[in-house]
Amino acid sequence: MGAGYGSGVRIIARKTLREFWEKRAHRDAEQPLRAWFAEVRKAAWRTPADIKAAHRNASFVGSDRVVFNVGGNKYRLVAAVKYSAQLVFIRFVGTHADYDDIDAGEV
């Protein structure tokens, strides 16, 4: 994980996660999203291979988008990753049905 790399990556738009789990229909997403956030905050992702090593089911879309399965595959989270700056921008969080309605490479 982030040992020896300082504080790890910086995650932009944590509010997006909180707004999602505060919805009545998605209250069960709070713990899995908090766990994802805590893990990613400590990570030191330099390449897509670093993400794949920690998240075998992660999918890569476009030049910088990563799709994570969260909450036992119930939810999807799309993040834009800027490896050189150690930044992760949360671009989308939703159910699989919600995900099917977006273009993960463009959100």
PDB file of N, CA and C in Angstrom:
ATOM      1  N   MET A   1       0.832  -1.176   0.000  1.00  0.00           N
ATOM      2  CA  MET A   1       0.000   0.000   0.000  1.00  0.00           C
ATOM      3  C   MET A   1       0.878   1.241   0.000  1.00  0.00           C
ATOM      4  N   GLY A   2       0.638   2.185   0.925  1.00  0.00           N
ATOM      5  CA  GLY A   2       1.323   3.455   0.853  1.00  0.00           C
ATOM      6  C   GLY A   2       2.597   3.537   1.668  1.00  0.00           C
ATOM      7  N   ALA A   3       3.060   2.454   2.218  1.00  0.00           N
ATOM      8  CA  ALA A   3       4.251   2.497   3.060  1.00  0.00           C
ATOM      9  C   ALA A   3       5.422   3.101   2.305  1.00  0.00           C
ATOM     10  N   GLY A   4       6.050   4.093   2.901  1.00  0.00           N
ATOM     11  CA  GLY A   4       7.209   4.706   2.289  1.00  0.00           C
ATOM     12  C   GLY A   4       6.874   5.753   1.238  1.00  0.00           C
ATOM     13  N   TYR A   5       5.601   6.008   0.997  1.00  0.00           N
ATOM     14  CA  TYR A   5       5.219   6.967  -0.034  1.00  0.00           C
ATOM     15  C   TYR A   5       4.547   8.201   0.538  1.00  0.00           C
ATOM     16  N   GLY A   6       4.651   8.437   1.807  1.00  0.00           N
ATOM     17  CA  GLY A   6       4.013   9.606   2.386  1.00  0.00           C
ATOM     18  C   GLY A   6       2.538   9.354   2.612  1.00  0.00           C
ATOM     19  N   SER A   7       1.735  10.335   2.253  1.00  0.00           N
ATOM     20  CA  SER A   7       0.316  10.259   2.574  1.00  0.00           C
ATOM     21  C   SER A   7      -0.520   9.540   1.525  1.00  0.00           C
ATOM     22  N   GLY A   8       0.063   9.062   0.454  1.00  0.00           N
ATOM     23  CA  GLY A   8      -0.704   8.358  -0.568  1.00  0.00           C
ATOM     24  C   GLY A   8      -1.390   9.319  -1.513  1.00  0.00           C
ATOM     25  N   VAL A   9      -2.407   8.825  -2.192  1.00  0.00           N
ATOM     26  CA  VAL A   9      -3.086   9.658  -3.180  1.00  0.00           C
ATOM     27  C   VAL A   9      -4.073  10.609  -2.516  1.00  0.00           C
ATOM     28  N   ARG A  10      -4.352  11.668  -3.204  1.00  0.00           N
ATOM     29  CA  ARG A  10      -5.351  12.632  -2.754  1.00  0.00           C
ATOM     30  C   ARG A  10      -6.619  12.355  -3.534  1.00  0.00           C
ATOM     31  N   ILE A  11      -7.731  12.258  -2.841  1.00  0.00           N
ATOM     32  CA  ILE A  11      -9.008  11.935  -3.463  1.00  0.00           C
ATOM     33  C   ILE A  11      -9.863  13.190  -3.504  1.00  0.00           C
ATOM     34  N   ILE A  12     -10.305  13.525  -4.718  1.00  0.00           N
ATOM     35  CA  ILE A  12     -11.119  14.717  -4.921  1.00  0.00           C
ATOM     36  C   ILE A  12     -12.585  14.305  -5.041  1.00  0.00           C
ATOM     37  N   ALA A  13     -13.432  15.022  -4.346  1.00  0.00           N
ATOM     38  CA  ALA A  13     -14.883  14.860  -4.399  1.00  0.00           C
ATOM     39  C   ALA A  13     -15.391  13.739  -3.497  1.00  0.00           C
ATOM     40  N   ARG A  14     -14.840  13.668  -2.290  1.00  0.00           N
ATOM     41  CA  ARG A  14     -15.357  12.712  -1.304  1.00  0.00           C
ATOM     42  C   ARG A  14     -16.844  12.955  -1.050  1.00  0.00           C
ATOM     43  N   LYS A  15     -17.255  14.204  -1.190  1.00  0.00           N
ATOM     44  CA  LYS A  15     -18.650  14.575  -0.989  1.00  0.00           C
ATOM     45  C   LYS A  15     -19.575  13.747  -1.887  1.00  0.00           C
ATOM     46  N   THR A  16     -19.111  13.405  -3.074  1.00  0.00           N
ATOM     47  CA  THR A  16     -19.897  12.585  -3.999  1.00  0.00           C
ATOM     48  C   THR A  16     -20.257  11.256  -3.350  1.00  0.00           C
ATOM     49  N   LEU A  17     -19.318  10.665  -2.637  1.00  0.00           N
ATOM     50  CA  LEU A  17     -19.574   9.395  -1.955  1.00  0.00           C
ATOM     51  C   LEU A  17     -20.619   9.574  -0.863  1.00  0.00           C
ATOM     52  N   ARG A  18     -20.424  10.583  -0.042  1.00  0.00           N
ATOM     53  CA  ARG A  18     -21.335  10.822   1.074  1.00  0.00           C
ATOM     54  C   ARG A  18     -22.753  11.107   0.575  1.00  0.00           C
ATOM     55  N   GLU A  19     -22.886  11.914  -0.458  1.00  0.00           N
ATOM     56  CA  GLU A  19     -24.213  12.217  -0.994  1.00  0.00           C
ATOM     57  C   GLU A  19     -24.893  10.957  -1.522  1.00  0.00           C
ATOM     58  N   PHE A  20     -24.119  10.044  -2.058  1.00  0.00           N
ATOM     59  CA  PHE A  20     -24.682   8.800  -2.567  1.00  0.00           C
ATOM     60  C   PHE A  20     -25.193   7.923  -1.429  1.00  0.00           C
ATOM     61  N   TRP A  21     -24.369   7.698  -0.406  1.00  0.00           N
ATOM     62  CA  TRP A  21     -24.798   6.780   0.655  1.00  0.00           C
ATOM     63  C   TRP A  21     -25.858   7.397   1.569  1.00  0.00           C
ATOM     64  N   GLU A  22     -26.015   8.701   1.540  1.00  0.00           N
ATOM     65  CA  GLU A  22     -27.058   9.324   2.350  1.00  0.00           C
ATOM     66  C   GLU A  22     -28.449   9.144   1.754  1.00  0.00           C
ATOM     67  N   LYS A  23     -28.523   8.725   0.498  1.00  0.00           N
ATOM     68  CA  LYS A  23     -29.824   8.436  -0.113  1.00  0.00           C
ATOM     69  C   LYS A  23     -30.368   7.154   0.504  1.00  0.00           C
ATOM     70  N   ARG A  24     -31.632   7.182   0.839  1.00  0.00           N
ATOM     71  CA  ARG A  24     -32.269   6.053   1.516  1.00  0.00           C
ATOM     72  C   ARG A  24     -32.009   4.722   0.804  1.00  0.00           C
ATOM     73  N   ALA A  25     -32.095   4.702  -0.488  1.00  0.00           N
ATOM     74  CA  ALA A  25     -31.940   3.457  -1.248  1.00  0.00           C
ATOM     75  C   ALA A  25     -30.500   2.928  -1.265  1.00  0.00           C
ATOM     76  N   HIS A  26     -29.551   3.768  -0.850  1.00  0.00           N
ATOM     77  CA  HIS A  26     -28.135   3.370  -0.934  1.00  0.00           C
ATOM     78  C   HIS A  26     -27.416   3.392   0.411  1.00  0.00           C
ATOM     79  N   ARG A  27     -28.157   3.351   1.491  1.00  0.00           N
ATOM     80  CA  ARG A  27     -27.525   3.412   2.814  1.00  0.00           C
ATOM     81  C   ARG A  27     -26.531   2.268   3.033  1.00  0.00           C
ATOM     82  N   ASP A  28     -26.771   1.127   2.392  1.00  0.00           N
ATOM     83  CA  ASP A  28     -25.854  -0.007   2.543  1.00  0.00           C
ATOM     84  C   ASP A  28     -24.523   0.226   1.846  1.00  0.00           C
ATOM     85  N   ALA A  29     -24.399   1.319   1.097  1.00  0.00           N
ATOM     86  CA  ALA A  29     -23.152   1.627   0.398  1.00  0.00           C
ATOM     87  C   ALA A  29     -22.154   2.363   1.291  1.00  0.00           C
ATOM     88  N   GLU A  30     -22.596   2.870   2.438  1.00  0.00           N
ATOM     89  CA  GLU A  30     -21.709   3.701   3.261  1.00  0.00           C
ATOM     90  C   GLU A  30     -20.434   2.958   3.668  1.00  0.00           C
ATOM     91  N   GLN A  31     -20.559   1.800   4.283  1.00  0.00           N
ATOM     92  CA  GLN A  31     -19.361   1.095   4.759  1.00  0.00           C
ATOM     93  C   GLN A  31     -18.432   0.686   3.616  1.00  0.00           C
ATOM     94  N   PRO A  32     -18.943   0.093   2.524  1.00  0.00           N
ATOM     95  CA  PRO A  32     -18.040  -0.259   1.422  1.00  0.00           C
ATOM     96  C   PRO A  32     -17.354   0.965   0.802  1.00  0.00           C
ATOM     97  N   LEU A  33     -18.075   2.082   0.687  1.00  0.00           N
ATOM     98  CA  LEU A  33     -17.460   3.282   0.111  1.00  0.00           C
ATOM     99  C   LEU A  33     -16.444   3.894   1.070  1.00  0.00           C
ATOM    100  N   ARG A  34     -16.732   3.859   2.359  1.00  0.00           N
ATOM    101  CA  ARG A  34     -15.744   4.344   3.339  1.00  0.00           C
ATOM    102  C   ARG A  34     -14.481   3.469   3.298  1.00  0.00           C
ATOM    103  N   ALA A  35     -14.679   2.168   3.166  1.00  0.00           N
ATOM    104  CA  ALA A  35     -13.528   1.256   3.100  1.00  0.00           C
ATOM    105  C   ALA A  35     -12.704   1.520   1.838  1.00  0.00           C
ATOM    106  N   TRP A  36     -13.378   1.704   0.710  1.00  0.00           N
ATOM    107  CA  TRP A  36     -12.677   2.020  -0.545  1.00  0.00           C
ATOM    108  C   TRP A  36     -11.871   3.304  -0.372  1.00  0.00           C
ATOM    109  N   PHE A  37     -12.505   4.340   0.182  1.00  0.00           N
ATOM    110  CA  PHE A  37     -11.847   5.625   0.379  1.00  0.00           C
ATOM    111  C   PHE A  37     -10.603   5.483   1.261  1.00  0.00           C
ATOM    112  N   ALA A  38     -10.752   4.774   2.373  1.00  0.00           N
ATOM    113  CA  ALA A  38      -9.633   4.601   3.302  1.00  0.00           C
ATOM    114  C   ALA A  38      -8.468   3.866   2.640  1.00  0.00           C
ATOM    115  N   GLU A  39      -8.778   2.850   1.856  1.00  0.00           N
ATOM    116  CA  GLU A  39      -7.724   2.091   1.184  1.00  0.00           C
ATOM    117  C   GLU A  39      -7.021   2.934   0.126  1.00  0.00           C
ATOM    118  N   VAL A  40      -7.797   3.622  -0.676  1.00  0.00           N
ATOM    119  CA  VAL A  40      -7.221   4.414  -1.767  1.00  0.00           C
ATOM    120  C   VAL A  40      -6.395   5.567  -1.217  1.00  0.00           C
ATOM    121  N   ARG A  41      -6.860   6.168  -0.141  1.00  0.00           N
ATOM    122  CA  ARG A  41      -6.120   7.292   0.458  1.00  0.00           C
ATOM    123  C   ARG A  41      -4.708   6.886   0.862  1.00  0.00           C
ATOM    124  N   LYS A  42      -4.513   5.626   1.203  1.00  0.00           N
ATOM    125  CA  LYS A  42      -3.193   5.139   1.618  1.00  0.00           C
ATOM    126  C   LYS A  42      -2.367   4.590   0.457  1.00  0.00           C
ATOM    127  N   ALA A  43      -2.983   4.466  -0.702  1.00  0.00           N
ATOM    128  CA  ALA A  43      -2.315   3.838  -1.850  1.00  0.00           C
ATOM    129  C   ALA A  43      -1.246   4.750  -2.451  1.00  0.00           C
ATOM    130  N   ALA A  44      -0.383   4.146  -3.220  1.00  0.00           N
ATOM    131  CA  ALA A  44       0.630   4.878  -3.985  1.00  0.00           C
ATOM    132  C   ALA A  44       0.617   4.307  -5.395  1.00  0.00           C
ATOM    133  N   TRP A  45      -0.368   4.722  -6.153  1.00  0.00           N
ATOM    134  CA  TRP A  45      -0.542   4.211  -7.504  1.00  0.00           C
ATOM    135  C   TRP A  45       0.318   4.993  -8.482  1.00  0.00           C
ATOM    136  N   ARG A  46       1.284   4.309  -9.056  1.00  0.00           N
ATOM    137  CA  ARG A  46       2.157   4.936 -10.060  1.00  0.00           C
ATOM    138  C   ARG A  46       1.760   4.533 -11.479  1.00  0.00           C
ATOM    139  N   THR A  47       1.084   3.383 -11.608  1.00  0.00           N
ATOM    140  CA  THR A  47       0.691   2.856 -12.914  1.00  0.00           C
ATOM    141  C   THR A  47      -0.629   2.091 -12.760  1.00  0.00           C
ATOM    142  N   PRO A  48      -1.293   1.802 -13.877  1.00  0.00           N
ATOM    143  CA  PRO A  48      -2.494   0.964 -13.797  1.00  0.00           C
ATOM    144  C   PRO A  48      -2.213  -0.406 -13.164  1.00  0.00           C
ATOM    145  N   ALA A  49      -1.021  -0.928 -13.342  1.00  0.00           N
ATOM    146  CA  ALA A  49      -0.674  -2.222 -12.745  1.00  0.00           C
ATOM    147  C   ALA A  49      -0.753  -2.172 -11.221  1.00  0.00           C
ATOM    148  N   ASP A  50      -0.440  -1.030 -10.630  1.00  0.00           N
ATOM    149  CA  ASP A  50      -0.548  -0.880  -9.177  1.00  0.00           C
ATOM    150  C   ASP A  50      -2.003  -1.009  -8.726  1.00  0.00           C
ATOM    151  N   ILE A  51      -2.906  -0.423  -9.498  1.00  0.00           N
ATOM    152  CA  ILE A  51      -4.331  -0.529  -9.176  1.00  0.00           C
ATOM    153  C   ILE A  51      -4.785  -1.970  -9.334  1.00  0.00           C
ATOM    154  N   LYS A  52      -4.386  -2.595 -10.441  1.00  0.00           N
ATOM    155  CA  LYS A  52      -4.816  -3.969 -10.725  1.00  0.00           C
ATOM    156  C   LYS A  52      -4.315  -4.933  -9.644  1.00  0.00           C
ATOM    157  N   ALA A  53      -3.138  -4.674  -9.093  1.00  0.00           N
ATOM    158  CA  ALA A  53      -2.595  -5.534  -8.040  1.00  0.00           C
ATOM    159  C   ALA A  53      -3.464  -5.485  -6.785  1.00  0.00           C
ATOM    160  N   ALA A  54      -4.041  -4.329  -6.506  1.00  0.00           N
ATOM    161  CA  ALA A  54      -4.870  -4.166  -5.305  1.00  0.00           C
ATOM    162  C   ALA A  54      -6.347  -4.448  -5.573  1.00  0.00           C
ATOM    163  N   HIS A  55      -6.770  -4.256  -6.810  1.00  0.00           N
ATOM    164  CA  HIS A  55      -8.184  -4.401  -7.184  1.00  0.00           C
ATOM    165  C   HIS A  55      -8.266  -5.212  -8.468  1.00  0.00           C
ATOM    166  N   ARG A  56      -8.251  -6.519  -8.325  1.00  0.00           N
ATOM    167  CA  ARG A  56      -8.227  -7.406  -9.487  1.00  0.00           C
ATOM    168  C   ARG A  56      -9.405  -7.195 -10.424  1.00  0.00           C
ATOM    169  N   ASN A  57     -10.539  -6.769  -9.884  1.00  0.00           N
ATOM    170  CA  ASN A  57     -11.728  -6.595 -10.710  1.00  0.00           C
ATOM    171  C   ASN A  57     -11.872  -5.191 -11.288  1.00  0.00           C
ATOM    172  N   ALA A  58     -10.899  -4.342 -11.067  1.00  0.00           N
ATOM    173  CA  ALA A  58     -10.963  -2.993 -11.629  1.00  0.00           C
ATOM    174  C   ALA A  58     -10.862  -3.081 -13.147  1.00  0.00           C
ATOM    175  N   SER A  59     -11.599  -2.194 -13.813  1.00  0.00           N
ATOM    176  CA  SER A  59     -11.565  -2.121 -15.269  1.00  0.00           C
ATOM    177  C   SER A  59     -11.049  -0.745 -15.666  1.00  0.00           C
ATOM    178  N   PHE A  60     -10.328  -0.706 -16.776  1.00  0.00           N
ATOM    179  CA  PHE A  60      -9.753   0.546 -17.258  1.00  0.00           C
ATOM    180  C   PHE A  60     -10.487   0.974 -18.513  1.00  0.00           C
ATOM    181  N   VAL A  61     -10.944   2.229 -18.513  1.00  0.00           N
ATOM    182  CA  VAL A  61     -11.734   2.766 -19.618  1.00  0.00           C
ATOM    183  C   VAL A  61     -11.101   4.079 -20.054  1.00  0.00           C
ATOM    184  N   GLY A  62     -10.820   4.205 -21.315  1.00  0.00           N
ATOM    185  CA  GLY A  62     -10.202   5.437 -21.795  1.00  0.00           C
ATOM    186  C   GLY A  62      -8.789   5.576 -21.267  1.00  0.00           C
ATOM    187  N   SER A  63      -8.289   6.778 -21.322  1.00  0.00           N
ATOM    188  CA  SER A  63      -6.884   6.989 -20.965  1.00  0.00           C
ATOM    189  C   SER A  63      -6.633   7.079 -19.468  1.00  0.00           C
ATOM    190  N   ASP A  64      -7.659   7.460 -18.690  1.00  0.00           N
ATOM    191  CA  ASP A  64      -7.392   7.658 -17.257  1.00  0.00           C
ATOM    192  C   ASP A  64      -8.511   7.186 -16.336  1.00  0.00           C
ATOM    193  N   ARG A  65      -9.564   6.598 -16.875  1.00  0.00           N
ATOM    194  CA  ARG A  65     -10.697   6.190 -16.045  1.00  0.00           C
ATOM    195  C   ARG A  65     -10.542   4.756 -15.550  1.00  0.00           C
ATOM    196  N   VAL A  66     -10.908   4.572 -14.282  1.00  0.00           N
ATOM    197  CA  VAL A  66     -10.885   3.247 -13.668  1.00  0.00           C
ATOM    198  C   VAL A  66     -12.271   2.997 -13.073  1.00  0.00           C
ATOM    199  N   VAL A  67     -12.801   1.807 -13.329  1.00  0.00           N
ATOM    200  CA  VAL A  67     -14.107   1.420 -12.793  1.00  0.00           C
ATOM    201  C   VAL A  67     -13.868   0.392 -11.696  1.00  0.00           C
ATOM    202  N   PHE A  68     -14.356   0.706 -10.495  1.00  0.00           N
ATOM    203  CA  PHE A  68     -14.222  -0.179  -9.346  1.00  0.00           C
ATOM    204  C   PHE A  68     -15.586  -0.773  -9.012  1.00  0.00           C
ATOM    205  N   ASN A  69     -15.609  -2.047  -8.687  1.00  0.00           N
ATOM    206  CA  ASN A  69     -16.809  -2.686  -8.158  1.00  0.00           C
ATOM    207  C   ASN A  69     -16.746  -2.556  -6.650  1.00  0.00           C
ATOM    208  N   VAL A  70     -17.816  -2.048  -6.052  1.00  0.00           N
ATOM    209  CA  VAL A  70     -17.845  -1.756  -4.622  1.00  0.00           C
ATOM    210  C   VAL A  70     -19.076  -2.406  -4.001  1.00  0.00           C
ATOM    211  N   GLY A  71     -18.939  -2.836  -2.767  1.00  0.00           N
ATOM    212  CA  GLY A  71     -20.080  -3.378  -2.043  1.00  0.00           C
ATOM    213  C   GLY A  71     -20.541  -4.710  -2.579  1.00  0.00           C
ATOM    214  N   GLY A  72     -19.608  -5.628  -2.747  1.00  0.00           N
ATOM    215  CA  GLY A  72     -19.969  -6.944  -3.250  1.00  0.00           C
ATOM    216  C   GLY A  72     -20.496  -6.892  -4.669  1.00  0.00           C
ATOM    217  N   ASN A  73     -19.962  -5.950  -5.440  1.00  0.00           N
ATOM    218  CA  ASN A  73     -20.319  -5.802  -6.847  1.00  0.00           C
ATOM    219  C   ASN A  73     -21.695  -5.163  -7.035  1.00  0.00           C
ATOM    220  N   LYS A  74     -22.273  -4.606  -5.971  1.00  0.00           N
ATOM    221  CA  LYS A  74     -23.584  -3.974  -6.072  1.00  0.00           C
ATOM    222  C   LYS A  74     -23.492  -2.572  -6.680  1.00  0.00           C
ATOM    223  N   TYR A  75     -22.366  -1.906  -6.421  1.00  0.00           N
ATOM    224  CA  TYR A  75     -22.176  -0.534  -6.877  1.00  0.00           C
ATOM    225  C   TYR A  75     -20.926  -0.421  -7.738  1.00  0.00           C
ATOM    226  N   ARG A  76     -20.927   0.613  -8.563  1.00  0.00           N
ATOM    227  CA  ARG A  76     -19.754   0.917  -9.381  1.00  0.00           C
ATOM    228  C   ARG A  76     -19.307   2.336  -9.092  1.00  0.00           C
ATOM    229  N   LEU A  77     -18.000   2.503  -9.075  1.00  0.00           N
ATOM    230  CA  LEU A  77     -17.397   3.801  -8.850  1.00  0.00           C
ATOM    231  C   LEU A  77     -16.420   4.042  -9.990  1.00  0.00           C
ATOM    232  N   VAL A  78     -16.554   5.185 -10.652  1.00  0.00           N
ATOM    233  CA  VAL A  78     -15.644   5.552 -11.734  1.00  0.00           C
ATOM    234  C   VAL A  78     -14.770   6.682 -11.233  1.00  0.00           C
ATOM    235  N   ALA A  79     -13.470   6.516 -11.386  1.00  0.00           N
ATOM    236  CA  ALA A  79     -12.517   7.534 -10.963  1.00  0.00           C
ATOM    237  C   ALA A  79     -11.574   7.859 -12.113  1.00  0.00           C
ATOM    238  N   ALA A  80     -11.194   9.116 -12.177  1.00  0.00           N
ATOM    239  CA  ALA A  80     -10.145   9.543 -13.102  1.00  0.00           C
ATOM    240  C   ALA A  80      -8.866   9.602 -12.272  1.00  0.00           C
ATOM    241  N   VAL A  81      -7.832   8.914 -12.734  1.00  0.00           N
ATOM    242  CA  VAL A  81      -6.586   8.836 -11.978  1.00  0.00           C
ATOM    243  C   VAL A  81      -5.487   9.592 -12.707  1.00  0.00           C
ATOM    244  N   LYS A  82      -4.851  10.499 -11.991  1.00  0.00           N
ATOM    245  CA  LYS A  82      -3.690  11.238 -12.500  1.00  0.00           C
ATOM    246  C   LYS A  82      -2.481  10.710 -11.729  1.00  0.00           C
ATOM    247  N   TYR A  83      -1.829   9.702 -12.297  1.00  0.00           N
ATOM    248  CA  TYR A  83      -0.754   8.996 -11.598  1.00  0.00           C
ATOM    249  C   TYR A  83       0.386   9.933 -11.197  1.00  0.00           C
ATOM    250  N   SER A  84       0.826  10.793 -12.097  1.00  0.00           N
ATOM    251  CA  SER A  84       1.980  11.642 -11.808  1.00  0.00           C
ATOM    252  C   SER A  84       1.721  12.598 -10.649  1.00  0.00           C
ATOM    253  N   ALA A  85       0.482  13.025 -10.486  1.00  0.00           N
ATOM    254  CA  ALA A  85       0.130  13.953  -9.412  1.00  0.00           C
ATOM    255  C   ALA A  85      -0.417  13.246  -8.176  1.00  0.00           C
ATOM    256  N   GLN A  86      -0.587  11.916  -8.262  1.00  0.00           N
ATOM    257  CA  GLN A  86      -1.156  11.141  -7.163  1.00  0.00           C
ATOM    258  C   GLN A  86      -2.535  11.689  -6.771  1.00  0.00           C
ATOM    259  N   LEU A  87      -3.372  11.897  -7.791  1.00  0.00           N
ATOM    260  CA  LEU A  87      -4.723  12.395  -7.592  1.00  0.00           C
ATOM    261  C   LEU A  87      -5.735  11.390  -8.131  1.00  0.00           C
ATOM    262  N   VAL A  88      -6.840  11.238  -7.407  1.00  0.00           N
ATOM    263  CA  VAL A  88      -7.959  10.407  -7.844  1.00  0.00           C
ATOM    264  C   VAL A  88      -9.204  11.290  -7.772  1.00  0.00           C
ATOM    265  N   PHE A  89      -9.855  11.474  -8.914  1.00  0.00           N
ATOM    266  CA  PHE A  89     -11.064  12.273  -8.999  1.00  0.00           C
ATOM    267  C   PHE A  89     -12.264  11.336  -9.104  1.00  0.00           C
ATOM    268  N   ILE A  90     -13.151  11.377  -8.129  1.00  0.00           N
ATOM    269  CA  ILE A  90     -14.354  10.551  -8.190  1.00  0.00           C
ATOM    270  C   ILE A  90     -15.289  11.190  -9.208  1.00  0.00           C
ATOM    271  N   ARG A  91     -15.592  10.444 -10.264  1.00  0.00           N
ATOM    272  CA  ARG A  91     -16.410  10.975 -11.350  1.00  0.00           C
ATOM    273  C   ARG A  91     -17.849  10.453 -11.322  1.00  0.00           C
ATOM    274  N   PHE A  92     -18.055   9.274 -10.712  1.00  0.00           N
ATOM    275  CA  PHE A  92     -19.383   8.671 -10.698  1.00  0.00           C
ATOM    276  C   PHE A  92     -19.428   7.605  -9.627  1.00  0.00           C
ATOM    277  N   VAL A  93     -20.566   7.486  -8.969  1.00  0.00           N
ATOM    278  CA  VAL A  93     -20.857   6.348  -8.099  1.00  0.00           C
ATOM    279  C   VAL A  93     -22.333   6.041  -8.278  1.00  0.00           C
ATOM    280  N   GLY A  94     -22.638   4.763  -8.462  1.00  0.00           N
ATOM    281  CA  GLY A  94     -24.029   4.380  -8.676  1.00  0.00           C
ATOM    282  C   GLY A  94     -24.193   2.878  -8.723  1.00  0.00           C
ATOM    283  N   THR A  95     -25.427   2.474  -8.961  1.00  0.00           N
ATOM    284  CA  THR A  95     -25.720   1.051  -9.103  1.00  0.00           C
ATOM    285  C   THR A  95     -25.250   0.582 -10.477  1.00  0.00           C
ATOM    286  N   HIS A  96     -25.279  -0.718 -10.696  1.00  0.00           N
ATOM    287  CA  HIS A  96     -24.927  -1.239 -12.017  1.00  0.00           C
ATOM    288  C   HIS A  96     -25.879  -0.696 -13.076  1.00  0.00           C
ATOM    289  N   ALA A  97     -27.157  -0.584 -12.743  1.00  0.00           N
ATOM    290  CA  ALA A  97     -28.130  -0.035 -13.704  1.00  0.00           C
ATOM    291  C   ALA A  97     -27.794   1.417 -14.035  1.00  0.00           C
ATOM    292  N   ASP A  98     -27.434   2.206 -13.017  1.00  0.00           N
ATOM    293  CA  ASP A  98     -27.022   3.596 -13.257  1.00  0.00           C
ATOM    294  C   ASP A  98     -25.794   3.634 -14.156  1.00  0.00           C
ATOM    295  N   TYR A  99     -24.859   2.751 -13.883  1.00  0.00           N
ATOM    296  CA  TYR A  99     -23.611   2.693 -14.646  1.00  0.00           C
ATOM    297  C   TYR A  99     -23.883   2.390 -16.116  1.00  0.00           C
ATOM    298  N   ASP A 100     -24.853   1.536 -16.376  1.00  0.00           N
ATOM    299  CA  ASP A 100     -25.181   1.178 -17.759  1.00  0.00           C
ATOM    300  C   ASP A 100     -25.687   2.371 -18.558  1.00  0.00           C
ATOM    301  N   ASP A 101     -26.132   3.423 -17.867  1.00  0.00           N
ATOM    302  CA  ASP A 101     -26.673   4.611 -18.532  1.00  0.00           C
ATOM    303  C   ASP A 101     -25.632   5.705 -18.779  1.00  0.00           C
ATOM    304  N   ILE A 102     -24.385   5.465 -18.407  1.00  0.00           N
ATOM    305  CA  ILE A 102     -23.355   6.502 -18.577  1.00  0.00           C
ATOM    306  C   ILE A 102     -22.269   6.001 -19.525  1.00  0.00           C
ATOM    307  N   ASP A 103     -21.432   6.932 -19.946  1.00  0.00           N
ATOM    308  CA  ASP A 103     -20.227   6.596 -20.700  1.00  0.00           C
ATOM    309  C   ASP A 103     -19.068   6.803 -19.727  1.00  0.00           C
ATOM    310  N   ALA A 104     -18.548   5.709 -19.208  1.00  0.00           N
ATOM    311  CA  ALA A 104     -17.510   5.786 -18.159  1.00  0.00           C
ATOM    312  C   ALA A 104     -16.268   6.523 -18.630  1.00  0.00           C
ATOM    313  N   GLY A 105     -16.012   6.509 -19.898  1.00  0.00           N
ATOM    314  CA  GLY A 105     -14.846   7.220 -20.418  1.00  0.00           C
ATOM    315  C   GLY A 105     -15.034   8.718 -20.504  1.00  0.00           C
ATOM    316  N   GLU A 106     -16.284   9.164 -20.359  1.00  0.00           N
ATOM    317  CA  GLU A 106     -16.593  10.588 -20.509  1.00  0.00           C
ATOM    318  C   GLU A 106     -17.048  11.276 -19.227  1.00  0.00           C
ATOM    319  N   VAL A 107     -17.480  10.524 -18.216  1.00  0.00           N
ATOM    320  CA  VAL A 107     -17.982  11.174 -16.992  1.00  0.00           C
ATOM    321  C   VAL A 107     -16.866  11.871 -16.260  1.00  0.00           C
TER     322      VAL A 107
END
